[in-house]
């Protein structure tokens, strides 16, 4: 899995980099993630806070921040449109696995292994 070394190596393909921030409560603090990890276009943000207004999730989409919330919280006050956009933790892990699988062998980094309990 790419780490700090690969992030700072400008020859490393940025589409293989992943960023996951976390916030216990979002309010307006989710915007802090926008200015982090400039090489990464789509940033992921994990929270347990639900619900979040459609205005906020619309703004997150515009700012290229993908909200990651455990699947069991998706029905707690989120509209159907929001639920279609939300990413579960397992969805996020699947995305990371896909990126790892597409990494050339000589790019470095360690493979991330994980299981959901």
PDB file of N, CA and C in Angstrom:
ATOM      1  N   UNK A   1       0.845  -1.163   0.000  1.00  0.00           N
ATOM      2  CA  UNK A   1       0.000   0.000   0.000  1.00  0.00           C
ATOM      3  C   UNK A   1       0.894   1.231   0.000  1.00  0.00           C
ATOM      4  N   UNK A   2       0.589   2.190  -0.841  1.00  0.00           N
ATOM      5  CA  UNK A   2       1.406   3.405  -0.857  1.00  0.00           C
ATOM      6  C   UNK A   2       1.365   4.115   0.488  1.00  0.00           C
ATOM      7  N   UNK A   3       2.486   4.659   0.860  1.00  0.00           N
ATOM      8  CA  UNK A   3       2.590   5.392   2.110  1.00  0.00           C
ATOM      9  C   UNK A   3       3.153   6.781   1.875  1.00  0.00           C
ATOM     10  N   UNK A   4       3.739   7.328   2.903  1.00  0.00           N
ATOM     11  CA  UNK A   4       4.287   8.679   2.861  1.00  0.00           C
ATOM     12  C   UNK A   4       5.353   8.807   1.768  1.00  0.00           C
ATOM     13  N   UNK A   5       6.215   7.801   1.670  1.00  0.00           N
ATOM     14  CA  UNK A   5       7.289   7.830   0.673  1.00  0.00           C
ATOM     15  C   UNK A   5       6.717   7.945  -0.736  1.00  0.00           C
ATOM     16  N   UNK A   6       5.713   7.112  -1.046  1.00  0.00           N
ATOM     17  CA  UNK A   6       5.112   7.134  -2.377  1.00  0.00           C
ATOM     18  C   UNK A   6       4.342   8.433  -2.616  1.00  0.00           C
ATOM     19  N   UNK A   7       3.705   8.952  -1.574  1.00  0.00           N
ATOM     20  CA  UNK A   7       2.969  10.214  -1.715  1.00  0.00           C
ATOM     21  C   UNK A   7       3.915  11.344  -2.117  1.00  0.00           C
ATOM     22  N   UNK A   8       5.082  11.390  -1.513  1.00  0.00           N
ATOM     23  CA  UNK A   8       6.033  12.465  -1.799  1.00  0.00           C
ATOM     24  C   UNK A   8       6.857  12.222  -3.063  1.00  0.00           C
ATOM     25  N   UNK A   9       6.795  11.035  -3.609  1.00  0.00           N
ATOM     26  CA  UNK A   9       7.478  10.704  -4.861  1.00  0.00           C
ATOM     27  C   UNK A   9       6.562  11.121  -6.018  1.00  0.00           C
ATOM     28  N   UNK A  10       6.865  12.245  -6.637  1.00  0.00           N
ATOM     29  CA  UNK A  10       5.983  12.782  -7.680  1.00  0.00           C
ATOM     30  C   UNK A  10       5.902  11.898  -8.914  1.00  0.00           C
ATOM     31  N   UNK A  11       6.804  10.920  -9.032  1.00  0.00           N
ATOM     32  CA  UNK A  11       6.709   9.989 -10.148  1.00  0.00           C
ATOM     33  C   UNK A  11       5.726   8.845  -9.854  1.00  0.00           C
ATOM     34  N   UNK A  12       5.328   8.712  -8.593  1.00  0.00           N
ATOM     35  CA  UNK A  12       4.348   7.684  -8.228  1.00  0.00           C
ATOM     36  C   UNK A  12       2.975   8.145  -8.710  1.00  0.00           C
ATOM     37  N   UNK A  13       2.228   7.268  -9.400  1.00  0.00           N
ATOM     38  CA  UNK A  13       0.922   7.663  -9.946  1.00  0.00           C
ATOM     39  C   UNK A  13      -0.067   8.074  -8.858  1.00  0.00           C
ATOM     40  N   UNK A  14      -0.557   9.294  -8.940  1.00  0.00           N
ATOM     41  CA  UNK A  14      -1.450   9.816  -7.895  1.00  0.00           C
ATOM     42  C   UNK A  14      -2.779   9.066  -7.849  1.00  0.00           C
ATOM     43  N   UNK A  15      -3.212   8.461  -8.953  1.00  0.00           N
ATOM     44  CA  UNK A  15      -4.493   7.738  -8.929  1.00  0.00           C
ATOM     45  C   UNK A  15      -4.425   6.467  -8.085  1.00  0.00           C
ATOM     46  N   UNK A  16      -3.228   6.074  -7.665  1.00  0.00           N
ATOM     47  CA  UNK A  16      -3.081   4.913  -6.792  1.00  0.00           C
ATOM     48  C   UNK A  16      -3.007   5.300  -5.313  1.00  0.00           C
ATOM     49  N   UNK A  17      -3.032   6.588  -5.041  1.00  0.00           N
ATOM     50  CA  UNK A  17      -2.984   7.078  -3.659  1.00  0.00           C
ATOM     51  C   UNK A  17      -4.400   7.177  -3.093  1.00  0.00           C
ATOM     52  N   UNK A  18      -4.531   6.897  -1.817  1.00  0.00           N
ATOM     53  CA  UNK A  18      -5.825   6.965  -1.145  1.00  0.00           C
ATOM     54  C   UNK A  18      -5.648   7.705   0.165  1.00  0.00           C
ATOM     55  N   UNK A  19      -6.637   8.528   0.491  1.00  0.00           N
ATOM     56  CA  UNK A  19      -6.597   9.268   1.749  1.00  0.00           C
ATOM     57  C   UNK A  19      -7.910   9.037   2.476  1.00  0.00           C
ATOM     58  N   UNK A  20      -7.813   8.667   3.753  1.00  0.00           N
ATOM     59  CA  UNK A  20      -8.994   8.509   4.593  1.00  0.00           C
ATOM     60  C   UNK A  20      -8.806   9.349   5.840  1.00  0.00           C
ATOM     61  N   UNK A  21      -9.606  10.380   5.958  1.00  0.00           N
ATOM     62  CA  UNK A  21      -9.626  11.195   7.173  1.00  0.00           C
ATOM     63  C   UNK A  21     -10.766  10.691   8.043  1.00  0.00           C
ATOM     64  N   UNK A  22     -10.770  11.095   9.290  1.00  0.00           N
ATOM     65  CA  UNK A  22     -11.889  10.705  10.158  1.00  0.00           C
ATOM     66  C   UNK A  22     -12.246  11.866  11.084  1.00  0.00           C
ATOM     67  N   UNK A  23     -13.520  11.986  11.312  1.00  0.00           N
ATOM     68  CA  UNK A  23     -14.060  13.007  12.216  1.00  0.00           C
ATOM     69  C   UNK A  23     -15.189  12.362  13.002  1.00  0.00           C
ATOM     70  N   UNK A  24     -15.190  12.575  14.319  1.00  0.00           N
ATOM     71  CA  UNK A  24     -16.284  12.021  15.119  1.00  0.00           C
ATOM     72  C   UNK A  24     -17.579  12.735  14.787  1.00  0.00           C
ATOM     73  N   UNK A  25     -17.517  14.051  14.701  1.00  0.00           N
ATOM     74  CA  UNK A  25     -18.680  14.821  14.268  1.00  0.00           C
ATOM     75  C   UNK A  25     -18.212  15.764  13.168  1.00  0.00           C
ATOM     76  N   UNK A  26     -19.065  15.939  12.182  1.00  0.00           N
ATOM     77  CA  UNK A  26     -18.633  16.696  11.013  1.00  0.00           C
ATOM     78  C   UNK A  26     -18.828  18.193  11.147  1.00  0.00           C
ATOM     79  N   UNK A  27     -20.058  18.622  11.413  1.00  0.00           N
ATOM     80  CA  UNK A  27     -20.399  20.045  11.400  1.00  0.00           C
ATOM     81  C   UNK A  27     -19.727  20.677  10.194  1.00  0.00           C
ATOM     82  N   UNK A  28     -18.932  21.708  10.386  1.00  0.00           N
ATOM     83  CA  UNK A  28     -18.215  22.312   9.262  1.00  0.00           C
ATOM     84  C   UNK A  28     -16.771  21.858   9.208  1.00  0.00           C
ATOM     85  N   UNK A  29     -16.367  21.008  10.157  1.00  0.00           N
ATOM     86  CA  UNK A  29     -14.967  20.582  10.211  1.00  0.00           C
ATOM     87  C   UNK A  29     -14.586  19.650   9.068  1.00  0.00           C
ATOM     88  N   UNK A  30     -15.555  19.077   8.355  1.00  0.00           N
ATOM     89  CA  UNK A  30     -15.232  18.186   7.244  1.00  0.00           C
ATOM     90  C   UNK A  30     -14.441  18.927   6.176  1.00  0.00           C
ATOM     91  N   UNK A  31     -14.605  20.250   6.103  1.00  0.00           N
ATOM     92  CA  UNK A  31     -13.900  21.047   5.093  1.00  0.00           C
ATOM     93  C   UNK A  31     -12.375  21.038   5.294  1.00  0.00           C
ATOM     94  N   UNK A  32     -11.919  20.723   6.504  1.00  0.00           N
ATOM     95  CA  UNK A  32     -10.479  20.646   6.769  1.00  0.00           C
ATOM     96  C   UNK A  32      -9.817  19.602   5.879  1.00  0.00           C
ATOM     97  N   UNK A  33     -10.548  18.573   5.510  1.00  0.00           N
ATOM     98  CA  UNK A  33     -10.012  17.489   4.694  1.00  0.00           C
ATOM     99  C   UNK A  33      -9.667  17.975   3.282  1.00  0.00           C
ATOM    100  N   UNK A  34     -10.378  18.975   2.800  1.00  0.00           N
ATOM    101  CA  UNK A  34     -10.175  19.478   1.429  1.00  0.00           C
ATOM    102  C   UNK A  34      -8.732  19.904   1.200  1.00  0.00           C
ATOM    103  N   UNK A  35      -8.110  20.528   2.193  1.00  0.00           N
ATOM    104  CA  UNK A  35      -6.762  21.064   2.037  1.00  0.00           C
ATOM    105  C   UNK A  35      -5.666  20.075   2.396  1.00  0.00           C
ATOM    106  N   UNK A  36      -6.031  18.856   2.716  1.00  0.00           N
ATOM    107  CA  UNK A  36      -5.047  17.830   3.048  1.00  0.00           C
ATOM    108  C   UNK A  36      -4.771  16.979   1.808  1.00  0.00           C
ATOM    109  N   UNK A  37      -3.594  16.405   1.739  1.00  0.00           N
ATOM    110  CA  UNK A  37      -3.235  15.458   0.676  1.00  0.00           C
ATOM    111  C   UNK A  37      -3.562  16.005  -0.714  1.00  0.00           C
ATOM    112  N   UNK A  38      -2.895  17.089  -1.077  1.00  0.00           N
ATOM    113  CA  UNK A  38      -3.185  17.770  -2.337  1.00  0.00           C
ATOM    114  C   UNK A  38      -3.009  16.906  -3.579  1.00  0.00           C
ATOM    115  N   UNK A  39      -2.195  15.876  -3.507  1.00  0.00           N
ATOM    116  CA  UNK A  39      -2.001  15.003  -4.678  1.00  0.00           C
ATOM    117  C   UNK A  39      -3.187  14.079  -4.920  1.00  0.00           C
ATOM    118  N   UNK A  40      -4.055  13.973  -3.947  1.00  0.00           N
ATOM    119  CA  UNK A  40      -5.182  13.048  -4.047  1.00  0.00           C
ATOM    120  C   UNK A  40      -6.439  13.844  -4.375  1.00  0.00           C
ATOM    121  N   UNK A  41      -7.025  13.489  -5.529  1.00  0.00           N
ATOM    122  CA  UNK A  41      -8.182  14.234  -6.017  1.00  0.00           C
ATOM    123  C   UNK A  41      -9.429  13.974  -5.173  1.00  0.00           C
ATOM    124  N   UNK A  42      -9.779  12.717  -4.992  1.00  0.00           N
ATOM    125  CA  UNK A  42     -10.960  12.351  -4.209  1.00  0.00           C
ATOM    126  C   UNK A  42     -10.512  11.908  -2.827  1.00  0.00           C
ATOM    127  N   UNK A  43     -10.951  12.640  -1.826  1.00  0.00           N
ATOM    128  CA  UNK A  43     -10.590  12.325  -0.445  1.00  0.00           C
ATOM    129  C   UNK A  43     -11.753  11.582   0.209  1.00  0.00           C
ATOM    130  N   UNK A  44     -11.443  10.647   1.065  1.00  0.00           N
ATOM    131  CA  UNK A  44     -12.455   9.885   1.783  1.00  0.00           C
ATOM    132  C   UNK A  44     -12.487  10.355   3.230  1.00  0.00           C
ATOM    133  N   UNK A  45     -13.686  10.415   3.782  1.00  0.00           N
ATOM    134  CA  UNK A  45     -13.864  10.885   5.146  1.00  0.00           C
ATOM    135  C   UNK A  45     -14.784   9.924   5.890  1.00  0.00           C
ATOM    136  N   UNK A  46     -14.255   9.337   6.956  1.00  0.00           N
ATOM    137  CA  UNK A  46     -15.003   8.378   7.769  1.00  0.00           C
ATOM    138  C   UNK A  46     -15.604   9.087   8.974  1.00  0.00           C
ATOM    139  N   UNK A  47     -16.879   8.828   9.232  1.00  0.00           N
ATOM    140  CA  UNK A  47     -17.528   9.363  10.420  1.00  0.00           C
ATOM    141  C   UNK A  47     -18.605   8.397  10.883  1.00  0.00           C
ATOM    142  N   UNK A  48     -19.005   8.529  12.126  1.00  0.00           N
ATOM    143  CA  UNK A  48     -20.126   7.765  12.670  1.00  0.00           C
ATOM    144  C   UNK A  48     -21.344   8.662  12.840  1.00  0.00           C
ATOM    145  N   UNK A  49     -21.192   9.932  12.479  1.00  0.00           N
ATOM    146  CA  UNK A  49     -22.274  10.890  12.645  1.00  0.00           C
ATOM    147  C   UNK A  49     -23.346  10.679  11.583  1.00  0.00           C
ATOM    148  N   UNK A  50     -24.569  10.600  12.032  1.00  0.00           N
ATOM    149  CA  UNK A  50     -25.704  10.532  11.124  1.00  0.00           C
ATOM    150  C   UNK A  50     -26.866  11.216  11.826  1.00  0.00           C
ATOM    151  N   UNK A  51     -27.749  11.854  11.131  1.00  0.00           N
ATOM    152  CA  UNK A  51     -27.725  12.144   9.711  1.00  0.00           C
ATOM    153  C   UNK A  51     -26.954  13.425   9.401  1.00  0.00           C
ATOM    154  N   UNK A  52     -26.755  13.637   8.129  1.00  0.00           N
ATOM    155  CA  UNK A  52     -26.090  14.834   7.619  1.00  0.00           C
ATOM    156  C   UNK A  52     -27.015  15.404   6.549  1.00  0.00           C
ATOM    157  N   UNK A  53     -27.153  16.693   6.506  1.00  0.00           N
ATOM    158  CA  UNK A  53     -28.106  17.301   5.573  1.00  0.00           C
ATOM    159  C   UNK A  53     -27.711  17.047   4.118  1.00  0.00           C
ATOM    160  N   UNK A  54     -28.707  17.066   3.242  1.00  0.00           N
ATOM    161  CA  UNK A  54     -28.439  16.920   1.809  1.00  0.00           C
ATOM    162  C   UNK A  54     -27.570  18.066   1.307  1.00  0.00           C
ATOM    163  N   UNK A  55     -27.774  19.257   1.845  1.00  0.00           N
ATOM    164  CA  UNK A  55     -26.929  20.388   1.435  1.00  0.00           C
ATOM    165  C   UNK A  55     -25.459  20.092   1.713  1.00  0.00           C
ATOM    166  N   UNK A  56     -25.181  19.510   2.889  1.00  0.00           N
ATOM    167  CA  UNK A  56     -23.782  19.190   3.222  1.00  0.00           C
ATOM    168  C   UNK A  56     -23.231  18.090   2.326  1.00  0.00           C
ATOM    169  N   UNK A  57     -24.004  17.040   2.087  1.00  0.00           N
ATOM    170  CA  UNK A  57     -23.477  15.968   1.237  1.00  0.00           C
ATOM    171  C   UNK A  57     -23.334  16.438  -0.211  1.00  0.00           C
ATOM    172  N   UNK A  58     -24.218  17.334  -0.657  1.00  0.00           N
ATOM    173  CA  UNK A  58     -24.064  17.911  -2.004  1.00  0.00           C
ATOM    174  C   UNK A  58     -22.763  18.702  -2.095  1.00  0.00           C
ATOM    175  N   UNK A  59     -22.480  19.477  -1.046  1.00  0.00           N
ATOM    176  CA  UNK A  59     -21.248  20.259  -1.027  1.00  0.00           C
ATOM    177  C   UNK A  59     -20.022  19.342  -0.972  1.00  0.00           C
ATOM    178  N   UNK A  60     -20.112  18.273  -0.217  1.00  0.00           N
ATOM    179  CA  UNK A  60     -19.004  17.307  -0.151  1.00  0.00           C
ATOM    180  C   UNK A  60     -18.716  16.738  -1.544  1.00  0.00           C
ATOM    181  N   UNK A  61     -19.766  16.397  -2.263  1.00  0.00           N
ATOM    182  CA  UNK A  61     -19.584  15.869  -3.610  1.00  0.00           C
ATOM    183  C   UNK A  61     -18.904  16.899  -4.509  1.00  0.00           C
ATOM    184  N   UNK A  62     -19.332  18.143  -4.414  1.00  0.00           N
ATOM    185  CA  UNK A  62     -18.724  19.210  -5.219  1.00  0.00           C
ATOM    186  C   UNK A  62     -17.256  19.397  -4.879  1.00  0.00           C
ATOM    187  N   UNK A  63     -16.901  19.209  -3.609  1.00  0.00           N
ATOM    188  CA  UNK A  63     -15.525  19.393  -3.151  1.00  0.00           C
ATOM    189  C   UNK A  63     -14.694  18.111  -3.254  1.00  0.00           C
ATOM    190  N   UNK A  64     -15.283  17.069  -3.826  1.00  0.00           N
ATOM    191  CA  UNK A  64     -14.616  15.776  -4.025  1.00  0.00           C
ATOM    192  C   UNK A  64     -14.189  15.141  -2.698  1.00  0.00           C
ATOM    193  N   UNK A  65     -15.137  15.128  -1.767  1.00  0.00           N
ATOM    194  CA  UNK A  65     -14.959  14.440  -0.488  1.00  0.00           C
ATOM    195  C   UNK A  65     -16.014  13.345  -0.436  1.00  0.00           C
ATOM    196  N   UNK A  66     -15.573  12.097  -0.400  1.00  0.00           N
ATOM    197  CA  UNK A  66     -16.485  10.948  -0.347  1.00  0.00           C
ATOM    198  C   UNK A  66     -16.682  10.543   1.104  1.00  0.00           C
ATOM    199  N   UNK A  67     -17.924  10.588   1.543  1.00  0.00           N
ATOM    200  CA  UNK A  67     -18.243  10.235   2.919  1.00  0.00           C
ATOM    201  C   UNK A  67     -18.312   8.717   3.066  1.00  0.00           C
ATOM    202  N   UNK A  68     -17.638   8.206   4.097  1.00  0.00           N
ATOM    203  CA  UNK A  68     -17.624   6.777   4.409  1.00  0.00           C
ATOM    204  C   UNK A  68     -18.275   6.609   5.779  1.00  0.00           C
ATOM    205  N   UNK A  69     -19.371   5.851   5.791  1.00  0.00           N
ATOM    206  CA  UNK A  69     -20.119   5.617   7.026  1.00  0.00           C
ATOM    207  C   UNK A  69     -20.453   4.139   7.072  1.00  0.00           C
ATOM    208  N   UNK A  70     -20.287   3.495   8.228  1.00  0.00           N
ATOM    209  CA  UNK A  70     -20.674   2.086   8.310  1.00  0.00           C
ATOM    210  C   UNK A  70     -22.087   1.873   7.756  1.00  0.00           C
ATOM    211  N   UNK A  71     -22.238   0.839   6.965  1.00  0.00           N
ATOM    212  CA  UNK A  71     -23.486   0.566   6.243  1.00  0.00           C
ATOM    213  C   UNK A  71     -24.709   0.556   7.166  1.00  0.00           C
ATOM    214  N   UNK A  72     -24.560   0.092   8.410  1.00  0.00           N
ATOM    215  CA  UNK A  72     -25.718   0.006   9.295  1.00  0.00           C
ATOM    216  C   UNK A  72     -26.289   1.381   9.656  1.00  0.00           C
ATOM    217  N   UNK A  73     -25.542   2.462   9.392  1.00  0.00           N
ATOM    218  CA  UNK A  73     -26.036   3.813   9.678  1.00  0.00           C
ATOM    219  C   UNK A  73     -26.621   4.511   8.451  1.00  0.00           C
ATOM    220  N   UNK A  74     -26.552   3.901   7.296  1.00  0.00           N
ATOM    221  CA  UNK A  74     -27.006   4.562   6.067  1.00  0.00           C
ATOM    222  C   UNK A  74     -28.498   4.895   6.089  1.00  0.00           C
ATOM    223  N   UNK A  75     -29.314   4.092   6.732  1.00  0.00           N
ATOM    224  CA  UNK A  75     -30.757   4.344   6.751  1.00  0.00           C
ATOM    225  C   UNK A  75     -31.167   5.319   7.854  1.00  0.00           C
ATOM    226  N   UNK A  76     -30.225   5.694   8.723  1.00  0.00           N
ATOM    227  CA  UNK A  76     -30.540   6.574   9.858  1.00  0.00           C
ATOM    228  C   UNK A  76     -30.603   8.039   9.439  1.00  0.00           C
ATOM    229  N   UNK A  77     -31.700   8.436   8.811  1.00  0.00           N
ATOM    230  CA  UNK A  77     -31.902   9.842   8.490  1.00  0.00           C
ATOM    231  C   UNK A  77     -31.304  10.299   7.180  1.00  0.00           C
ATOM    232  N   UNK A  78     -30.755   9.399   6.380  1.00  0.00           N
ATOM    233  CA  UNK A  78     -30.225   9.774   5.067  1.00  0.00           C
ATOM    234  C   UNK A  78     -31.286   9.502   4.001  1.00  0.00           C
ATOM    235  N   UNK A  79     -31.423  10.419   3.069  1.00  0.00           N
ATOM    236  CA  UNK A  79     -32.373  10.230   1.972  1.00  0.00           C
ATOM    237  C   UNK A  79     -31.883   9.103   1.063  1.00  0.00           C
ATOM    238  N   UNK A  80     -32.769   8.621   0.199  1.00  0.00           N
ATOM    239  CA  UNK A  80     -32.372   7.569  -0.746  1.00  0.00           C
ATOM    240  C   UNK A  80     -31.242   8.054  -1.651  1.00  0.00           C
ATOM    241  N   UNK A  81     -31.319   9.312  -2.048  1.00  0.00           N
ATOM    242  CA  UNK A  81     -30.257   9.884  -2.902  1.00  0.00           C
ATOM    243  C   UNK A  81     -28.924   9.898  -2.164  1.00  0.00           C
ATOM    244  N   UNK A  82     -28.937  10.281  -0.892  1.00  0.00           N
ATOM    245  CA  UNK A  82     -27.711  10.273  -0.100  1.00  0.00           C
ATOM    246  C   UNK A  82     -27.196   8.850   0.081  1.00  0.00           C
ATOM    247  N   UNK A  83     -28.100   7.917   0.378  1.00  0.00           N
ATOM    248  CA  UNK A  83     -27.692   6.531   0.593  1.00  0.00           C
ATOM    249  C   UNK A  83     -27.017   5.950  -0.649  1.00  0.00           C
ATOM    250  N   UNK A  84     -27.502   6.343  -1.835  1.00  0.00           N
ATOM    251  CA  UNK A  84     -26.893   5.855  -3.082  1.00  0.00           C
ATOM    252  C   UNK A  84     -25.463   6.367  -3.225  1.00  0.00           C
ATOM    253  N   UNK A  85     -25.188   7.537  -2.678  1.00  0.00           N
ATOM    254  CA  UNK A  85     -23.855   8.144  -2.785  1.00  0.00           C
ATOM    255  C   UNK A  85     -22.918   7.711  -1.660  1.00  0.00           C
ATOM    256  N   UNK A  86     -23.454   7.474  -0.464  1.00  0.00           N
ATOM    257  CA  UNK A  86     -22.613   7.104   0.670  1.00  0.00           C
ATOM    258  C   UNK A  86     -21.809   5.850   0.378  1.00  0.00           C
ATOM    259  N   UNK A  87     -20.646   5.789   0.969  1.00  0.00           N
ATOM    260  CA  UNK A  87     -19.798   4.621   0.834  1.00  0.00           C
ATOM    261  C   UNK A  87     -19.727   3.948   2.200  1.00  0.00           C
ATOM    262  N   UNK A  88     -19.882   2.628   2.221  1.00  0.00           N
ATOM    263  CA  UNK A  88     -19.710   1.874   3.451  1.00  0.00           C
ATOM    264  C   UNK A  88     -18.234   1.589   3.674  1.00  0.00           C
ATOM    265  N   UNK A  89     -17.893   1.156   4.856  1.00  0.00           N
ATOM    266  CA  UNK A  89     -16.494   0.834   5.165  1.00  0.00           C
ATOM    267  C   UNK A  89     -16.001  -0.287   4.256  1.00  0.00           C
ATOM    268  N   UNK A  90     -16.822  -1.306   4.050  1.00  0.00           N
ATOM    269  CA  UNK A  90     -16.400  -2.405   3.169  1.00  0.00           C
ATOM    270  C   UNK A  90     -16.228  -1.923   1.730  1.00  0.00           C
ATOM    271  N   UNK A  91     -17.042  -0.957   1.294  1.00  0.00           N
ATOM    272  CA  UNK A  91     -16.881  -0.368  -0.051  1.00  0.00           C
ATOM    273  C   UNK A  91     -15.522   0.326  -0.163  1.00  0.00           C
ATOM    274  N   UNK A  92     -15.179   1.066   0.892  1.00  0.00           N
ATOM    275  CA  UNK A  92     -13.888   1.757   0.901  1.00  0.00           C
ATOM    276  C   UNK A  92     -12.742   0.745   0.835  1.00  0.00           C
ATOM    277  N   UNK A  93     -12.828  -0.303   1.642  1.00  0.00           N
ATOM    278  CA  UNK A  93     -11.770  -1.317   1.652  1.00  0.00           C
ATOM    279  C   UNK A  93     -11.665  -2.015   0.299  1.00  0.00           C
ATOM    280  N   UNK A  94     -12.803  -2.255  -0.358  1.00  0.00           N
ATOM    281  CA  UNK A  94     -12.789  -2.843  -1.699  1.00  0.00           C
ATOM    282  C   UNK A  94     -12.066  -1.935  -2.682  1.00  0.00           C
ATOM    283  N   UNK A  95     -12.309  -0.635  -2.569  1.00  0.00           N
ATOM    284  CA  UNK A  95     -11.641   0.325  -3.456  1.00  0.00           C
ATOM    285  C   UNK A  95     -10.127   0.302  -3.239  1.00  0.00           C
ATOM    286  N   UNK A  96      -9.708   0.238  -1.989  1.00  0.00           N
ATOM    287  CA  UNK A  96      -8.280   0.170  -1.682  1.00  0.00           C
ATOM    288  C   UNK A  96      -7.678  -1.105  -2.262  1.00  0.00           C
ATOM    289  N   UNK A  97      -8.392  -2.208  -2.124  1.00  0.00           N
ATOM    290  CA  UNK A  97      -7.907  -3.482  -2.687  1.00  0.00           C
ATOM    291  C   UNK A  97      -7.738  -3.386  -4.204  1.00  0.00           C
ATOM    292  N   UNK A  98      -8.699  -2.766  -4.877  1.00  0.00           N
ATOM    293  CA  UNK A  98      -8.620  -2.610  -6.338  1.00  0.00           C
ATOM    294  C   UNK A  98      -7.404  -1.771  -6.726  1.00  0.00           C
ATOM    295  N   UNK A  99      -7.160  -0.706  -5.986  1.00  0.00           N
ATOM    296  CA  UNK A  99      -5.986   0.124  -6.277  1.00  0.00           C
ATOM    297  C   UNK A  99      -4.705  -0.662  -6.067  1.00  0.00           C
ATOM    298  N   UNK A 100      -4.667  -1.449  -5.005  1.00  0.00           N
ATOM    299  CA  UNK A 100      -3.480  -2.262  -4.744  1.00  0.00           C
ATOM    300  C   UNK A 100      -3.253  -3.263  -5.867  1.00  0.00           C
ATOM    301  N   UNK A 101      -4.326  -3.861  -6.338  1.00  0.00           N
ATOM    302  CA  UNK A 101      -4.210  -4.867  -7.393  1.00  0.00           C
ATOM    303  C   UNK A 101      -3.698  -4.254  -8.695  1.00  0.00           C
ATOM    304  N   UNK A 102      -3.973  -2.975  -8.910  1.00  0.00           N
ATOM    305  CA  UNK A 102      -3.535  -2.327 -10.148  1.00  0.00           C
ATOM    306  C   UNK A 102      -2.147  -1.702 -10.030  1.00  0.00           C
ATOM    307  N   UNK A 103      -1.529  -1.785  -8.846  1.00  0.00           N
ATOM    308  CA  UNK A 103      -0.195  -1.216  -8.654  1.00  0.00           C
ATOM    309  C   UNK A 103       0.855  -2.075  -9.339  1.00  0.00           C
ATOM    310  N   UNK A 104       1.727  -1.451 -10.131  1.00  0.00           N
ATOM    311  CA  UNK A 104       2.849  -2.211 -10.691  1.00  0.00           C
ATOM    312  C   UNK A 104       3.724  -2.755  -9.559  1.00  0.00           C
ATOM    313  N   UNK A 105       4.307  -3.909  -9.768  1.00  0.00           N
ATOM    314  CA  UNK A 105       5.096  -4.578  -8.722  1.00  0.00           C
ATOM    315  C   UNK A 105       6.264  -3.741  -8.239  1.00  0.00           C
ATOM    316  N   UNK A 106       6.821  -2.897  -9.092  1.00  0.00           N
ATOM    317  CA  UNK A 106       8.009  -2.130  -8.721  1.00  0.00           C
ATOM    318  C   UNK A 106       7.705  -0.780  -8.086  1.00  0.00           C
ATOM    319  N   UNK A 107       6.432  -0.516  -7.716  1.00  0.00           N
ATOM    320  CA  UNK A 107       6.093   0.787  -7.155  1.00  0.00           C
ATOM    321  C   UNK A 107       6.346   0.893  -5.665  1.00  0.00           C
ATOM    322  N   UNK A 108       6.637  -0.193  -5.024  1.00  0.00           N
ATOM    323  CA  UNK A 108       6.931  -0.136  -3.583  1.00  0.00           C
ATOM    324  C   UNK A 108       5.674  -0.147  -2.751  1.00  0.00           C
ATOM    325  N   UNK A 109       5.855   0.067  -1.486  1.00  0.00           N
ATOM    326  CA  UNK A 109       4.736   0.040  -0.556  1.00  0.00           C
ATOM    327  C   UNK A 109       4.406  -1.375  -0.142  1.00  0.00           C
ATOM    328  N   UNK A 110       3.675  -1.493   0.925  1.00  0.00           N
ATOM    329  CA  UNK A 110       3.279  -2.800   1.449  1.00  0.00           C
ATOM    330  C   UNK A 110       1.824  -3.061   1.101  1.00  0.00           C
ATOM    331  N   UNK A 111       1.488  -4.331   0.902  1.00  0.00           N
ATOM    332  CA  UNK A 111       0.104  -4.704   0.677  1.00  0.00           C
ATOM    333  C   UNK A 111      -0.648  -4.595   1.992  1.00  0.00           C
ATOM    334  N   UNK A 112      -1.815  -4.005   1.938  1.00  0.00           N
ATOM    335  CA  UNK A 112      -2.653  -3.879   3.111  1.00  0.00           C
ATOM    336  C   UNK A 112      -3.558  -5.101   3.185  1.00  0.00           C
ATOM    337  N   UNK A 113      -3.543  -5.747   4.320  1.00  0.00           N
ATOM    338  CA  UNK A 113      -4.414  -6.895   4.518  1.00  0.00           C
ATOM    339  C   UNK A 113      -5.353  -6.562   5.668  1.00  0.00           C
ATOM    340  N   UNK A 114      -6.621  -6.824   5.470  1.00  0.00           N
ATOM    341  CA  UNK A 114      -7.596  -6.506   6.490  1.00  0.00           C
ATOM    342  C   UNK A 114      -8.818  -7.398   6.330  1.00  0.00           C
ATOM    343  N   UNK A 115      -9.534  -7.568   7.428  1.00  0.00           N
ATOM    344  CA  UNK A 115     -10.802  -8.282   7.419  1.00  0.00           C
ATOM    345  C   UNK A 115     -11.769  -7.487   8.261  1.00  0.00           C
ATOM    346  N   UNK A 116     -13.011  -7.544   7.911  1.00  0.00           N
ATOM    347  CA  UNK A 116     -14.041  -6.869   8.691  1.00  0.00           C
ATOM    348  C   UNK A 116     -14.636  -7.856   9.686  1.00  0.00           C
ATOM    349  N   UNK A 117     -14.791  -7.409  10.908  1.00  0.00           N
ATOM    350  CA  UNK A 117     -15.374  -8.258  11.945  1.00  0.00           C
ATOM    351  C   UNK A 117     -16.802  -7.842  12.190  1.00  0.00           C
TER     352      UNK A 117
END
